[in-house]
């Protein structure tokens, strides 16, 4: 039995689970993975058995329960400081935390109208109110990070970090919904899809047989 247990939802749809899972991979921890199928009878009760929020992801470790993807990132950064979940130097770290928090609390239109769906190709779909503004802001964030801190590698701050864990689901949305991107953003999406940790998740997602109808955009 591993030291950590990570409770997640359906890999095809659960963007917040993906964020916590990528953070766990970045931390280099040994963890057991427990998947709760979402939007089914009993799903809520199954999740409440792990955390009072009744949502994924949830990290269990040594009798502690940590829920919410950003809280999981911070907990793992404390437990595994050598893994470098947050980048160096301090100004890069400050920006990384800021954009991660912005992702955590914002971009509601993008999330609402473009739900994560790794199995689908839906170019031109999901263009609801507010989505274009979210796309433009995310593109500006990516360009700023790459220009200021991306010289040491292809991720937002050069090497893969918690900021990439937070924005990876957005990269999948841009590809699923065929969003036209500037060269910097397009290169970053390609970086996410080439990331071995993400590819492991994607492979498992594509093999899932379950459907969540409300997350299937027509």
N, C-alpha and C. Protein backbone atom coordinates (compact mmCIF):
# COMPACT_ATOMS: atom_id res chain seq x y z
N UNK A 1 0.84 -1.20 0.00
CA UNK A 1 0.00 0.00 0.00
C UNK A 1 0.87 1.25 0.00
N UNK A 2 0.54 2.19 -0.89
CA UNK A 2 1.35 3.38 -1.02
C UNK A 2 1.13 4.34 0.15
N UNK A 3 2.07 5.25 0.32
CA UNK A 3 1.99 6.22 1.41
C UNK A 3 0.83 7.19 1.22
N UNK A 4 0.52 7.52 -0.03
CA UNK A 4 -0.53 8.47 -0.36
C UNK A 4 -1.65 7.76 -1.13
N UNK A 5 -2.87 8.28 -1.02
CA UNK A 5 -3.98 7.84 -1.86
C UNK A 5 -4.60 9.09 -2.48
N UNK A 6 -4.83 9.05 -3.78
CA UNK A 6 -5.45 10.17 -4.50
C UNK A 6 -6.79 9.70 -5.05
N UNK A 7 -7.84 10.36 -4.62
CA UNK A 7 -9.18 10.05 -5.12
C UNK A 7 -9.49 11.01 -6.25
N UNK A 8 -9.87 10.46 -7.40
CA UNK A 8 -10.12 11.27 -8.59
C UNK A 8 -11.46 10.88 -9.20
N UNK A 9 -11.90 11.69 -10.17
CA UNK A 9 -13.09 11.38 -10.96
C UNK A 9 -12.71 10.86 -12.33
N UNK A 10 -13.69 10.76 -13.20
CA UNK A 10 -13.48 10.24 -14.56
C UNK A 10 -12.36 11.00 -15.26
N UNK A 11 -11.40 10.28 -15.81
CA UNK A 11 -10.24 10.93 -16.42
C UNK A 11 -10.61 11.67 -17.70
N UNK A 12 -11.65 11.24 -18.38
CA UNK A 12 -12.03 11.94 -19.59
C UNK A 12 -12.58 13.34 -19.31
N UNK A 13 -13.22 13.52 -18.18
CA UNK A 13 -13.96 14.75 -17.91
C UNK A 13 -13.41 15.60 -16.77
N UNK A 14 -12.79 14.99 -15.77
CA UNK A 14 -12.51 15.70 -14.52
C UNK A 14 -11.22 16.50 -14.60
N UNK A 15 -11.36 17.77 -14.95
CA UNK A 15 -10.19 18.63 -15.09
C UNK A 15 -9.51 18.88 -13.74
N UNK A 16 -10.29 19.00 -12.68
CA UNK A 16 -9.68 19.23 -11.37
C UNK A 16 -8.93 18.01 -10.90
N UNK A 17 -9.44 16.82 -11.20
CA UNK A 17 -8.69 15.60 -10.88
C UNK A 17 -7.37 15.57 -11.62
N UNK A 18 -7.38 15.97 -12.88
CA UNK A 18 -6.14 16.00 -13.67
C UNK A 18 -5.12 16.91 -13.01
N UNK A 19 -5.56 18.04 -12.53
CA UNK A 19 -4.62 18.97 -11.88
C UNK A 19 -3.96 18.33 -10.66
N UNK A 20 -4.77 17.72 -9.80
CA UNK A 20 -4.20 17.08 -8.62
C UNK A 20 -3.29 15.91 -8.97
N UNK A 21 -3.68 15.16 -9.98
CA UNK A 21 -2.90 13.99 -10.39
C UNK A 21 -1.55 14.41 -10.97
N UNK A 22 -1.54 15.45 -11.81
CA UNK A 22 -0.27 15.93 -12.35
C UNK A 22 0.63 16.47 -11.25
N UNK A 23 0.03 17.13 -10.27
CA UNK A 23 0.83 17.62 -9.14
C UNK A 23 1.47 16.46 -8.39
N UNK A 24 0.72 15.38 -8.21
CA UNK A 24 1.28 14.21 -7.54
C UNK A 24 2.43 13.61 -8.34
N UNK A 25 2.28 13.57 -9.65
CA UNK A 25 3.36 13.08 -10.49
C UNK A 25 4.59 13.99 -10.40
N UNK A 26 4.35 15.30 -10.41
CA UNK A 26 5.47 16.24 -10.29
C UNK A 26 6.18 16.09 -8.95
N UNK A 27 5.42 15.80 -7.91
CA UNK A 27 6.02 15.64 -6.57
C UNK A 27 6.82 14.36 -6.45
N UNK A 28 6.59 13.42 -7.36
CA UNK A 28 7.32 12.16 -7.33
C UNK A 28 6.90 11.24 -6.21
N UNK A 29 5.66 11.39 -5.74
CA UNK A 29 5.21 10.54 -4.63
C UNK A 29 4.72 9.20 -5.16
N UNK A 30 4.77 8.22 -4.28
CA UNK A 30 4.16 6.91 -4.55
C UNK A 30 2.73 6.99 -4.05
N UNK A 31 1.75 6.86 -4.96
CA UNK A 31 0.36 6.99 -4.51
C UNK A 31 -0.53 5.94 -5.17
N UNK A 32 -1.52 5.50 -4.38
CA UNK A 32 -2.58 4.67 -4.91
C UNK A 32 -3.64 5.60 -5.49
N UNK A 33 -4.25 5.17 -6.56
CA UNK A 33 -5.26 5.96 -7.25
C UNK A 33 -6.62 5.29 -7.08
N UNK A 34 -7.59 6.06 -6.64
CA UNK A 34 -8.94 5.55 -6.47
C UNK A 34 -9.90 6.41 -7.28
N UNK A 35 -10.56 5.81 -8.25
CA UNK A 35 -11.44 6.55 -9.14
C UNK A 35 -12.90 6.37 -8.71
N UNK A 36 -13.59 7.49 -8.56
CA UNK A 36 -15.02 7.51 -8.28
C UNK A 36 -15.72 8.00 -9.55
N UNK A 37 -16.59 7.19 -10.10
CA UNK A 37 -17.31 7.58 -11.30
C UNK A 37 -18.33 8.66 -10.97
N UNK A 38 -18.21 9.80 -11.66
CA UNK A 38 -19.00 10.97 -11.33
C UNK A 38 -20.37 10.94 -12.00
N UNK A 39 -21.29 11.72 -11.42
CA UNK A 39 -22.64 11.91 -11.98
C UNK A 39 -23.41 10.61 -12.14
N UNK A 40 -23.21 9.70 -11.18
CA UNK A 40 -23.95 8.45 -11.15
C UNK A 40 -24.62 8.32 -9.79
N UNK A 41 -25.67 7.49 -9.68
CA UNK A 41 -26.27 7.26 -8.37
C UNK A 41 -25.20 6.77 -7.38
N UNK A 42 -25.13 7.41 -6.25
CA UNK A 42 -24.15 7.03 -5.24
C UNK A 42 -22.84 7.76 -5.32
N UNK A 43 -22.61 8.53 -6.40
CA UNK A 43 -21.32 9.23 -6.55
C UNK A 43 -21.09 10.21 -5.40
N UNK A 44 -22.11 10.98 -5.08
CA UNK A 44 -21.96 11.99 -4.03
C UNK A 44 -21.62 11.34 -2.69
N UNK A 45 -22.32 10.30 -2.34
CA UNK A 45 -22.04 9.62 -1.08
C UNK A 45 -20.64 9.03 -1.06
N UNK A 46 -20.22 8.49 -2.19
CA UNK A 46 -18.87 7.93 -2.27
C UNK A 46 -17.81 9.00 -2.04
N UNK A 47 -18.05 10.20 -2.58
CA UNK A 47 -17.09 11.29 -2.40
C UNK A 47 -17.12 11.84 -0.98
N UNK A 48 -18.32 11.93 -0.41
CA UNK A 48 -18.44 12.42 0.96
C UNK A 48 -17.75 11.48 1.96
N UNK A 49 -17.57 10.24 1.59
CA UNK A 49 -16.84 9.31 2.44
C UNK A 49 -15.37 9.67 2.55
N UNK A 50 -14.89 10.51 1.60
CA UNK A 50 -13.48 10.89 1.58
C UNK A 50 -13.25 12.32 2.03
N UNK A 51 -14.18 13.24 1.77
CA UNK A 51 -13.99 14.62 2.19
C UNK A 51 -15.34 15.30 2.40
N UNK A 52 -15.39 16.29 3.27
CA UNK A 52 -16.66 16.98 3.52
C UNK A 52 -17.13 17.81 2.34
N UNK A 53 -16.24 18.13 1.41
CA UNK A 53 -16.64 18.91 0.25
C UNK A 53 -17.40 18.06 -0.77
N UNK A 54 -17.17 16.76 -0.75
CA UNK A 54 -17.85 15.88 -1.70
C UNK A 54 -17.42 16.10 -3.13
N UNK A 55 -16.17 16.49 -3.34
CA UNK A 55 -15.66 16.75 -4.68
C UNK A 55 -14.29 16.10 -4.85
N UNK A 56 -13.86 15.98 -6.09
CA UNK A 56 -12.51 15.50 -6.39
C UNK A 56 -11.66 16.67 -6.87
N UNK A 57 -10.33 16.54 -6.69
CA UNK A 57 -9.59 15.43 -6.11
C UNK A 57 -9.49 15.54 -4.59
N UNK A 58 -9.11 14.42 -3.99
CA UNK A 58 -8.85 14.35 -2.55
C UNK A 58 -7.55 13.58 -2.37
N UNK A 59 -6.67 14.10 -1.54
CA UNK A 59 -5.41 13.42 -1.20
C UNK A 59 -5.48 12.97 0.24
N UNK A 60 -5.21 11.69 0.47
CA UNK A 60 -5.17 11.14 1.82
C UNK A 60 -3.73 10.74 2.13
N UNK A 61 -3.27 11.17 3.30
CA UNK A 61 -1.87 10.91 3.66
C UNK A 61 -1.71 10.91 5.17
N UNK A 62 -1.32 9.78 5.72
CA UNK A 62 -1.00 9.70 7.14
C UNK A 62 -2.12 10.17 8.05
N UNK A 63 -3.35 9.86 7.70
CA UNK A 63 -4.47 10.30 8.50
C UNK A 63 -4.97 11.69 8.17
N UNK A 64 -4.26 12.39 7.29
CA UNK A 64 -4.70 13.72 6.86
C UNK A 64 -5.51 13.60 5.58
N UNK A 65 -6.47 14.51 5.42
CA UNK A 65 -7.28 14.58 4.21
C UNK A 65 -7.13 15.99 3.64
N UNK A 66 -6.70 16.07 2.40
CA UNK A 66 -6.52 17.36 1.73
C UNK A 66 -7.39 17.35 0.48
N UNK A 67 -8.33 18.26 0.42
CA UNK A 67 -9.18 18.33 -0.77
C UNK A 67 -8.97 19.67 -1.46
N UNK A 68 -9.34 19.73 -2.72
CA UNK A 68 -9.14 20.87 -3.61
C UNK A 68 -7.74 20.79 -4.23
N UNK A 69 -7.72 20.95 -5.54
CA UNK A 69 -6.47 20.74 -6.27
C UNK A 69 -5.37 21.70 -5.85
N UNK A 70 -5.69 22.97 -5.60
CA UNK A 70 -4.66 23.91 -5.23
C UNK A 70 -4.13 23.63 -3.82
N UNK A 71 -5.00 23.21 -2.92
CA UNK A 71 -4.54 22.80 -1.59
C UNK A 71 -3.63 21.59 -1.68
N UNK A 72 -3.95 20.67 -2.57
CA UNK A 72 -3.11 19.48 -2.77
C UNK A 72 -1.73 19.89 -3.29
N UNK A 73 -1.71 20.82 -4.24
CA UNK A 73 -0.43 21.33 -4.74
C UNK A 73 0.41 21.88 -3.60
N UNK A 74 -0.18 22.72 -2.77
CA UNK A 74 0.59 23.33 -1.68
C UNK A 74 1.03 22.30 -0.66
N UNK A 75 0.18 21.33 -0.36
CA UNK A 75 0.56 20.28 0.59
C UNK A 75 1.74 19.48 0.06
N UNK A 76 1.68 19.11 -1.22
CA UNK A 76 2.78 18.33 -1.80
C UNK A 76 4.05 19.15 -1.90
N UNK A 77 3.92 20.45 -2.17
CA UNK A 77 5.10 21.30 -2.22
C UNK A 77 5.79 21.36 -0.86
N UNK A 78 5.01 21.34 0.22
CA UNK A 78 5.59 21.30 1.57
C UNK A 78 6.23 19.95 1.88
N UNK A 79 5.56 18.89 1.49
CA UNK A 79 6.05 17.55 1.81
C UNK A 79 7.25 17.15 0.97
N UNK A 80 7.32 17.64 -0.27
CA UNK A 80 8.39 17.27 -1.19
C UNK A 80 9.04 18.53 -1.77
N UNK A 81 9.69 19.34 -0.95
CA UNK A 81 10.26 20.60 -1.44
C UNK A 81 11.30 20.42 -2.53
N UNK A 82 12.04 19.31 -2.50
CA UNK A 82 13.07 19.08 -3.51
C UNK A 82 12.49 18.85 -4.89
N UNK A 83 11.20 18.52 -4.98
CA UNK A 83 10.58 18.28 -6.28
C UNK A 83 10.38 19.56 -7.07
N UNK A 84 10.38 20.70 -6.40
CA UNK A 84 10.27 21.97 -7.10
C UNK A 84 8.94 22.18 -7.80
N UNK A 85 7.83 21.90 -7.12
CA UNK A 85 6.53 22.13 -7.74
C UNK A 85 6.34 23.59 -8.12
N UNK A 86 6.85 24.50 -7.30
CA UNK A 86 6.84 25.92 -7.64
C UNK A 86 8.22 26.31 -8.15
N UNK A 87 8.29 27.11 -9.20
CA UNK A 87 9.59 27.38 -9.83
C UNK A 87 10.44 28.36 -9.05
N UNK A 88 11.71 28.39 -9.37
CA UNK A 88 12.66 29.40 -8.92
C UNK A 88 12.96 30.31 -10.09
N UNK A 89 13.36 31.57 -9.83
CA UNK A 89 13.56 32.26 -8.55
C UNK A 89 12.25 32.77 -7.95
N UNK A 90 12.36 33.65 -6.94
CA UNK A 90 11.19 34.09 -6.20
C UNK A 90 10.18 34.82 -7.07
N UNK A 91 10.64 35.61 -8.04
CA UNK A 91 9.69 36.34 -8.89
C UNK A 91 8.92 35.37 -9.80
N UNK A 92 9.57 34.30 -10.26
CA UNK A 92 8.88 33.28 -11.03
C UNK A 92 7.87 32.56 -10.15
N UNK A 93 8.25 32.26 -8.93
CA UNK A 93 7.36 31.57 -8.00
C UNK A 93 6.12 32.42 -7.68
N UNK A 94 6.34 33.71 -7.50
CA UNK A 94 5.21 34.60 -7.22
C UNK A 94 4.24 34.64 -8.39
N UNK A 95 4.76 34.72 -9.60
CA UNK A 95 3.89 34.73 -10.78
C UNK A 95 3.18 33.39 -10.93
N UNK A 96 3.90 32.30 -10.72
CA UNK A 96 3.29 30.98 -10.85
C UNK A 96 2.13 30.81 -9.88
N UNK A 97 2.32 31.25 -8.64
CA UNK A 97 1.23 31.15 -7.67
C UNK A 97 0.05 32.04 -8.07
N UNK A 98 0.35 33.20 -8.61
CA UNK A 98 -0.72 34.13 -8.99
C UNK A 98 -1.57 33.56 -10.13
N UNK A 99 -0.91 33.02 -11.15
CA UNK A 99 -1.69 32.52 -12.28
C UNK A 99 -2.41 31.22 -11.92
N UNK A 100 -1.82 30.44 -11.01
CA UNK A 100 -2.50 29.23 -10.55
C UNK A 100 -3.78 29.60 -9.79
N UNK A 101 -3.68 30.63 -8.94
CA UNK A 101 -4.86 31.08 -8.21
C UNK A 101 -5.90 31.67 -9.16
N UNK A 102 -5.44 32.39 -10.18
CA UNK A 102 -6.39 32.94 -11.16
C UNK A 102 -7.12 31.83 -11.89
N UNK A 103 -6.41 30.76 -12.22
CA UNK A 103 -7.05 29.62 -12.86
C UNK A 103 -8.06 28.97 -11.91
N UNK A 104 -7.68 28.89 -10.66
CA UNK A 104 -8.52 28.24 -9.67
C UNK A 104 -9.84 28.98 -9.45
N UNK A 105 -9.79 30.31 -9.47
CA UNK A 105 -10.97 31.10 -9.12
C UNK A 105 -11.70 31.70 -10.33
N UNK A 106 -11.08 31.66 -11.49
CA UNK A 106 -11.63 32.37 -12.63
C UNK A 106 -11.97 31.48 -13.82
N UNK A 107 -12.18 32.13 -14.95
CA UNK A 107 -12.43 31.46 -16.23
C UNK A 107 -13.67 30.57 -16.19
N UNK A 108 -14.69 31.07 -15.50
CA UNK A 108 -15.92 30.30 -15.38
C UNK A 108 -16.62 30.07 -16.70
N UNK A 109 -16.56 31.06 -17.59
CA UNK A 109 -17.23 30.90 -18.89
C UNK A 109 -16.59 29.78 -19.69
N UNK A 110 -15.27 29.75 -19.71
CA UNK A 110 -14.56 28.68 -20.43
C UNK A 110 -14.91 27.32 -19.87
N UNK A 111 -14.90 27.19 -18.56
CA UNK A 111 -15.21 25.90 -17.95
C UNK A 111 -16.65 25.48 -18.20
N UNK A 112 -17.55 26.47 -18.18
CA UNK A 112 -18.98 26.15 -18.34
C UNK A 112 -19.31 25.73 -19.77
N UNK A 113 -18.76 26.45 -20.75
CA UNK A 113 -19.15 26.21 -22.14
C UNK A 113 -18.22 25.24 -22.86
N UNK A 114 -17.02 25.02 -22.31
CA UNK A 114 -16.07 24.10 -22.92
C UNK A 114 -15.61 23.07 -21.90
N UNK A 115 -16.49 22.19 -21.45
CA UNK A 115 -16.08 21.17 -20.48
C UNK A 115 -14.99 20.27 -21.05
N UNK A 116 -14.09 19.83 -20.19
CA UNK A 116 -13.01 18.96 -20.66
C UNK A 116 -13.60 17.66 -21.18
N UNK A 117 -13.16 17.26 -22.35
CA UNK A 117 -13.59 16.00 -22.95
C UNK A 117 -12.48 15.54 -23.88
N UNK A 118 -11.65 14.64 -23.40
CA UNK A 118 -10.47 14.23 -24.15
C UNK A 118 -10.82 13.33 -25.34
N UNK A 119 -12.00 12.77 -25.35
CA UNK A 119 -12.38 11.85 -26.43
C UNK A 119 -12.95 12.56 -27.66
N UNK A 120 -13.30 13.83 -27.52
CA UNK A 120 -14.04 14.51 -28.58
C UNK A 120 -13.18 15.51 -29.35
N UNK A 121 -13.59 15.77 -30.59
CA UNK A 121 -13.08 16.88 -31.38
C UNK A 121 -14.29 17.70 -31.79
N UNK A 122 -14.38 18.94 -31.28
CA UNK A 122 -15.57 19.76 -31.46
C UNK A 122 -15.21 21.17 -31.92
N UNK A 123 -14.50 21.29 -33.03
CA UNK A 123 -14.08 22.62 -33.48
C UNK A 123 -15.28 23.53 -33.70
N UNK A 124 -15.15 24.76 -33.19
CA UNK A 124 -16.20 25.75 -33.36
C UNK A 124 -17.29 25.68 -32.30
N UNK A 125 -17.31 24.65 -31.47
CA UNK A 125 -18.33 24.52 -30.44
C UNK A 125 -17.86 25.24 -29.17
N UNK A 126 -18.81 25.41 -28.24
CA UNK A 126 -18.47 25.94 -26.93
C UNK A 126 -18.22 27.43 -26.87
N UNK A 127 -18.63 28.17 -27.89
CA UNK A 127 -18.35 29.61 -27.90
C UNK A 127 -19.48 30.40 -27.23
N UNK A 128 -19.68 30.16 -25.94
CA UNK A 128 -20.71 30.86 -25.20
C UNK A 128 -20.24 32.23 -24.73
N UNK A 129 -21.13 32.99 -24.09
CA UNK A 129 -20.77 34.32 -23.60
C UNK A 129 -19.59 34.28 -22.64
N UNK A 130 -18.66 35.17 -22.85
CA UNK A 130 -17.50 35.28 -21.97
C UNK A 130 -16.34 34.38 -22.32
N UNK A 131 -16.54 33.42 -23.21
CA UNK A 131 -15.48 32.46 -23.52
C UNK A 131 -14.31 33.14 -24.23
N UNK A 132 -14.61 34.01 -25.18
CA UNK A 132 -13.53 34.65 -25.93
C UNK A 132 -12.64 35.48 -25.02
N UNK A 133 -13.24 36.18 -24.07
CA UNK A 133 -12.44 36.96 -23.12
C UNK A 133 -11.54 36.05 -22.28
N UNK A 134 -12.05 34.90 -21.87
CA UNK A 134 -11.22 33.95 -21.12
C UNK A 134 -10.07 33.43 -21.97
N UNK A 135 -10.35 33.12 -23.24
CA UNK A 135 -9.30 32.62 -24.13
C UNK A 135 -8.20 33.66 -24.30
N UNK A 136 -8.59 34.91 -24.50
CA UNK A 136 -7.60 35.98 -24.69
C UNK A 136 -6.75 36.17 -23.43
N UNK A 137 -7.38 36.11 -22.27
CA UNK A 137 -6.62 36.29 -21.03
C UNK A 137 -5.65 35.14 -20.81
N UNK A 138 -6.08 33.92 -21.07
CA UNK A 138 -5.18 32.77 -20.90
C UNK A 138 -4.01 32.86 -21.86
N UNK A 139 -4.27 33.24 -23.11
CA UNK A 139 -3.18 33.42 -24.06
C UNK A 139 -2.18 34.46 -23.58
N UNK A 140 -2.67 35.56 -22.99
CA UNK A 140 -1.77 36.59 -22.48
C UNK A 140 -0.93 36.07 -21.32
N UNK A 141 -1.54 35.27 -20.45
CA UNK A 141 -0.79 34.66 -19.34
C UNK A 141 0.33 33.77 -19.88
N UNK A 142 -0.01 32.92 -20.81
CA UNK A 142 1.00 32.01 -21.35
C UNK A 142 2.14 32.76 -22.02
N UNK A 143 1.82 33.79 -22.79
CA UNK A 143 2.88 34.55 -23.47
C UNK A 143 3.78 35.24 -22.45
N UNK A 144 3.18 35.80 -21.40
CA UNK A 144 3.97 36.49 -20.38
C UNK A 144 4.92 35.52 -19.68
N UNK A 145 4.42 34.37 -19.28
CA UNK A 145 5.26 33.39 -18.59
C UNK A 145 6.38 32.89 -19.49
N UNK A 146 6.04 32.57 -20.72
CA UNK A 146 7.06 32.05 -21.64
C UNK A 146 8.12 33.11 -21.94
N UNK A 147 7.71 34.35 -22.13
CA UNK A 147 8.67 35.40 -22.44
C UNK A 147 9.61 35.66 -21.27
N UNK A 148 9.07 35.67 -20.07
CA UNK A 148 9.86 36.03 -18.90
C UNK A 148 10.66 34.87 -18.31
N UNK A 149 10.11 33.65 -18.38
CA UNK A 149 10.72 32.55 -17.62
C UNK A 149 10.85 31.26 -18.41
N UNK A 150 10.58 31.28 -19.70
CA UNK A 150 10.53 30.04 -20.46
C UNK A 150 11.80 29.68 -21.20
N UNK A 151 12.90 30.31 -20.87
CA UNK A 151 14.12 30.07 -21.65
C UNK A 151 14.77 28.73 -21.34
N UNK A 152 14.42 28.11 -20.21
CA UNK A 152 15.09 26.86 -19.80
C UNK A 152 14.31 25.62 -20.20
N UNK A 153 13.24 25.78 -20.94
CA UNK A 153 12.46 24.62 -21.35
C UNK A 153 11.13 25.05 -21.94
N UNK A 154 10.29 24.10 -22.36
CA UNK A 154 9.08 24.43 -23.12
C UNK A 154 7.84 24.70 -22.28
N UNK A 155 7.93 24.53 -20.95
CA UNK A 155 6.77 24.75 -20.09
C UNK A 155 6.66 26.23 -19.73
N UNK A 156 5.64 26.59 -18.96
CA UNK A 156 5.40 28.00 -18.67
C UNK A 156 6.59 28.67 -18.00
N UNK A 157 7.26 27.92 -17.12
CA UNK A 157 8.42 28.46 -16.42
C UNK A 157 9.69 27.66 -16.74
N UNK A 158 9.73 27.13 -17.94
CA UNK A 158 10.86 26.31 -18.38
C UNK A 158 10.60 24.85 -18.09
N UNK A 159 10.83 24.44 -16.85
CA UNK A 159 10.54 23.07 -16.45
C UNK A 159 9.08 22.95 -16.00
N UNK A 160 8.56 21.75 -16.05
CA UNK A 160 7.18 21.52 -15.63
C UNK A 160 7.02 21.87 -14.15
N UNK A 161 5.91 22.54 -13.84
CA UNK A 161 5.66 23.00 -12.48
C UNK A 161 4.18 22.89 -12.17
N UNK A 162 3.82 23.31 -10.95
CA UNK A 162 2.42 23.31 -10.56
C UNK A 162 1.58 24.20 -11.46
N UNK A 163 2.17 25.25 -12.00
CA UNK A 163 1.43 26.11 -12.92
C UNK A 163 0.98 25.34 -14.15
N UNK A 164 1.81 24.45 -14.63
CA UNK A 164 1.43 23.62 -15.79
C UNK A 164 0.35 22.62 -15.41
N UNK A 165 0.42 22.09 -14.19
CA UNK A 165 -0.65 21.20 -13.73
C UNK A 165 -1.98 21.92 -13.74
N UNK A 166 -1.98 23.20 -13.35
CA UNK A 166 -3.22 23.96 -13.30
C UNK A 166 -3.75 24.31 -14.69
N UNK A 167 -2.87 24.51 -15.66
CA UNK A 167 -3.32 24.96 -16.99
C UNK A 167 -3.40 23.83 -18.02
N UNK A 168 -2.93 22.65 -17.68
CA UNK A 168 -3.00 21.54 -18.64
C UNK A 168 -4.43 21.26 -19.12
N UNK A 169 -5.44 21.25 -18.23
CA UNK A 169 -6.81 21.01 -18.73
C UNK A 169 -7.28 22.07 -19.73
N UNK A 170 -6.78 23.29 -19.59
CA UNK A 170 -7.14 24.33 -20.56
C UNK A 170 -6.56 24.00 -21.92
N UNK A 171 -5.32 23.51 -21.93
CA UNK A 171 -4.71 23.11 -23.20
C UNK A 171 -5.56 22.06 -23.90
N UNK A 172 -6.12 21.12 -23.13
CA UNK A 172 -6.96 20.10 -23.75
C UNK A 172 -8.23 20.70 -24.31
N UNK A 173 -8.81 21.66 -23.61
CA UNK A 173 -10.01 22.32 -24.11
C UNK A 173 -9.73 23.04 -25.43
N UNK A 174 -8.60 23.72 -25.49
CA UNK A 174 -8.29 24.45 -26.72
C UNK A 174 -8.17 23.50 -27.90
N UNK A 175 -7.62 22.32 -27.66
CA UNK A 175 -7.51 21.35 -28.76
C UNK A 175 -8.87 20.72 -29.07
N UNK A 176 -9.62 20.34 -28.06
CA UNK A 176 -10.93 19.72 -28.29
C UNK A 176 -11.85 20.63 -29.09
N UNK A 177 -11.85 21.92 -28.75
CA UNK A 177 -12.80 22.85 -29.37
C UNK A 177 -12.19 23.65 -30.52
N UNK A 178 -10.99 23.26 -30.94
CA UNK A 178 -10.38 23.85 -32.12
C UNK A 178 -10.14 25.34 -32.03
N UNK A 179 -9.69 25.80 -30.86
CA UNK A 179 -9.45 27.23 -30.67
C UNK A 179 -8.21 27.66 -31.45
N UNK A 180 -8.34 28.72 -32.22
CA UNK A 180 -7.19 29.26 -32.95
C UNK A 180 -6.27 29.99 -31.98
N UNK A 181 -4.99 29.66 -32.03
CA UNK A 181 -4.04 30.17 -31.06
C UNK A 181 -2.85 30.84 -31.75
N UNK A 182 -2.23 31.78 -31.04
CA UNK A 182 -0.99 32.36 -31.53
C UNK A 182 0.11 31.31 -31.40
N UNK A 183 1.26 31.52 -32.05
CA UNK A 183 2.31 30.50 -32.05
C UNK A 183 2.79 30.10 -30.65
N UNK A 184 2.90 31.05 -29.74
CA UNK A 184 3.38 30.73 -28.39
C UNK A 184 2.39 29.80 -27.69
N UNK A 185 1.10 30.14 -27.76
CA UNK A 185 0.08 29.30 -27.12
C UNK A 185 -0.02 27.94 -27.79
N UNK A 186 0.07 27.92 -29.11
CA UNK A 186 0.00 26.65 -29.83
C UNK A 186 1.16 25.74 -29.45
N UNK A 187 2.35 26.32 -29.32
CA UNK A 187 3.51 25.52 -28.90
C UNK A 187 3.32 24.99 -27.48
N UNK A 188 2.72 25.80 -26.63
CA UNK A 188 2.51 25.35 -25.25
C UNK A 188 1.50 24.20 -25.21
N UNK A 189 0.44 24.28 -25.98
CA UNK A 189 -0.52 23.17 -26.04
C UNK A 189 0.19 21.90 -26.49
N UNK A 190 1.04 22.00 -27.50
CA UNK A 190 1.79 20.84 -27.97
C UNK A 190 2.70 20.29 -26.87
N UNK A 191 3.27 21.19 -26.06
CA UNK A 191 4.12 20.76 -24.95
C UNK A 191 3.33 19.94 -23.94
N UNK A 192 2.12 20.41 -23.61
CA UNK A 192 1.28 19.67 -22.66
C UNK A 192 0.96 18.28 -23.20
N UNK A 193 0.59 18.21 -24.48
CA UNK A 193 0.20 16.92 -25.05
C UNK A 193 1.39 15.97 -25.21
N UNK A 194 2.61 16.50 -25.22
CA UNK A 194 3.80 15.65 -25.28
C UNK A 194 4.34 15.29 -23.90
N UNK A 195 3.82 15.88 -22.87
CA UNK A 195 4.26 15.66 -21.49
C UNK A 195 3.96 14.21 -21.12
N UNK A 196 4.95 13.42 -20.76
CA UNK A 196 4.70 12.01 -20.46
C UNK A 196 3.63 11.78 -19.40
N UNK A 197 3.61 12.58 -18.37
CA UNK A 197 2.60 12.41 -17.33
C UNK A 197 1.21 12.65 -17.90
N UNK A 198 1.05 13.68 -18.69
CA UNK A 198 -0.26 13.92 -19.29
C UNK A 198 -0.63 12.80 -20.25
N UNK A 199 0.32 12.32 -21.02
CA UNK A 199 0.01 11.26 -21.98
C UNK A 199 -0.46 9.99 -21.26
N UNK A 200 0.10 9.73 -20.09
CA UNK A 200 -0.36 8.58 -19.30
C UNK A 200 -1.83 8.75 -18.91
N UNK A 201 -2.16 9.95 -18.45
CA UNK A 201 -3.56 10.25 -18.09
C UNK A 201 -4.47 10.13 -19.31
N UNK A 202 -4.04 10.72 -20.41
CA UNK A 202 -4.86 10.73 -21.63
C UNK A 202 -5.14 9.31 -22.12
N UNK A 203 -4.14 8.46 -22.10
CA UNK A 203 -4.31 7.08 -22.54
C UNK A 203 -5.40 6.39 -21.72
N UNK A 204 -5.36 6.57 -20.41
CA UNK A 204 -6.37 5.97 -19.55
C UNK A 204 -7.75 6.59 -19.82
N UNK A 205 -7.79 7.90 -20.05
CA UNK A 205 -9.06 8.57 -20.31
C UNK A 205 -9.73 8.04 -21.57
N UNK A 206 -8.94 7.82 -22.59
CA UNK A 206 -9.50 7.36 -23.87
C UNK A 206 -10.04 5.94 -23.78
N UNK A 207 -9.60 5.21 -22.77
CA UNK A 207 -10.08 3.83 -22.59
C UNK A 207 -11.32 3.74 -21.71
N UNK A 208 -11.71 4.83 -21.08
CA UNK A 208 -12.89 4.79 -20.21
C UNK A 208 -14.16 4.62 -21.03
N UNK A 209 -15.07 3.77 -20.60
CA UNK A 209 -16.32 3.56 -21.34
C UNK A 209 -17.46 4.46 -20.88
N UNK A 210 -17.28 5.20 -19.77
CA UNK A 210 -18.40 5.90 -19.15
C UNK A 210 -18.66 7.24 -19.82
N UNK A 211 -19.93 7.61 -19.84
CA UNK A 211 -20.35 8.88 -20.43
C UNK A 211 -21.04 9.72 -19.38
N UNK A 212 -20.72 11.01 -19.33
CA UNK A 212 -21.44 11.97 -18.50
C UNK A 212 -22.19 12.87 -19.46
N UNK A 213 -23.48 12.68 -19.64
CA UNK A 213 -24.23 13.39 -20.68
C UNK A 213 -24.12 14.90 -20.59
N UNK A 214 -24.14 15.47 -19.38
CA UNK A 214 -24.10 16.92 -19.25
C UNK A 214 -22.78 17.54 -19.66
N UNK A 215 -21.73 16.72 -19.77
CA UNK A 215 -20.44 17.20 -20.23
C UNK A 215 -20.17 16.90 -21.70
N UNK A 216 -21.19 16.41 -22.40
CA UNK A 216 -21.07 16.12 -23.82
C UNK A 216 -21.70 17.28 -24.61
N UNK A 217 -20.87 18.14 -25.16
CA UNK A 217 -21.34 19.29 -25.94
C UNK A 217 -21.74 18.81 -27.32
N UNK A 218 -22.94 19.16 -27.77
CA UNK A 218 -23.41 18.76 -29.09
C UNK A 218 -22.85 19.68 -30.17
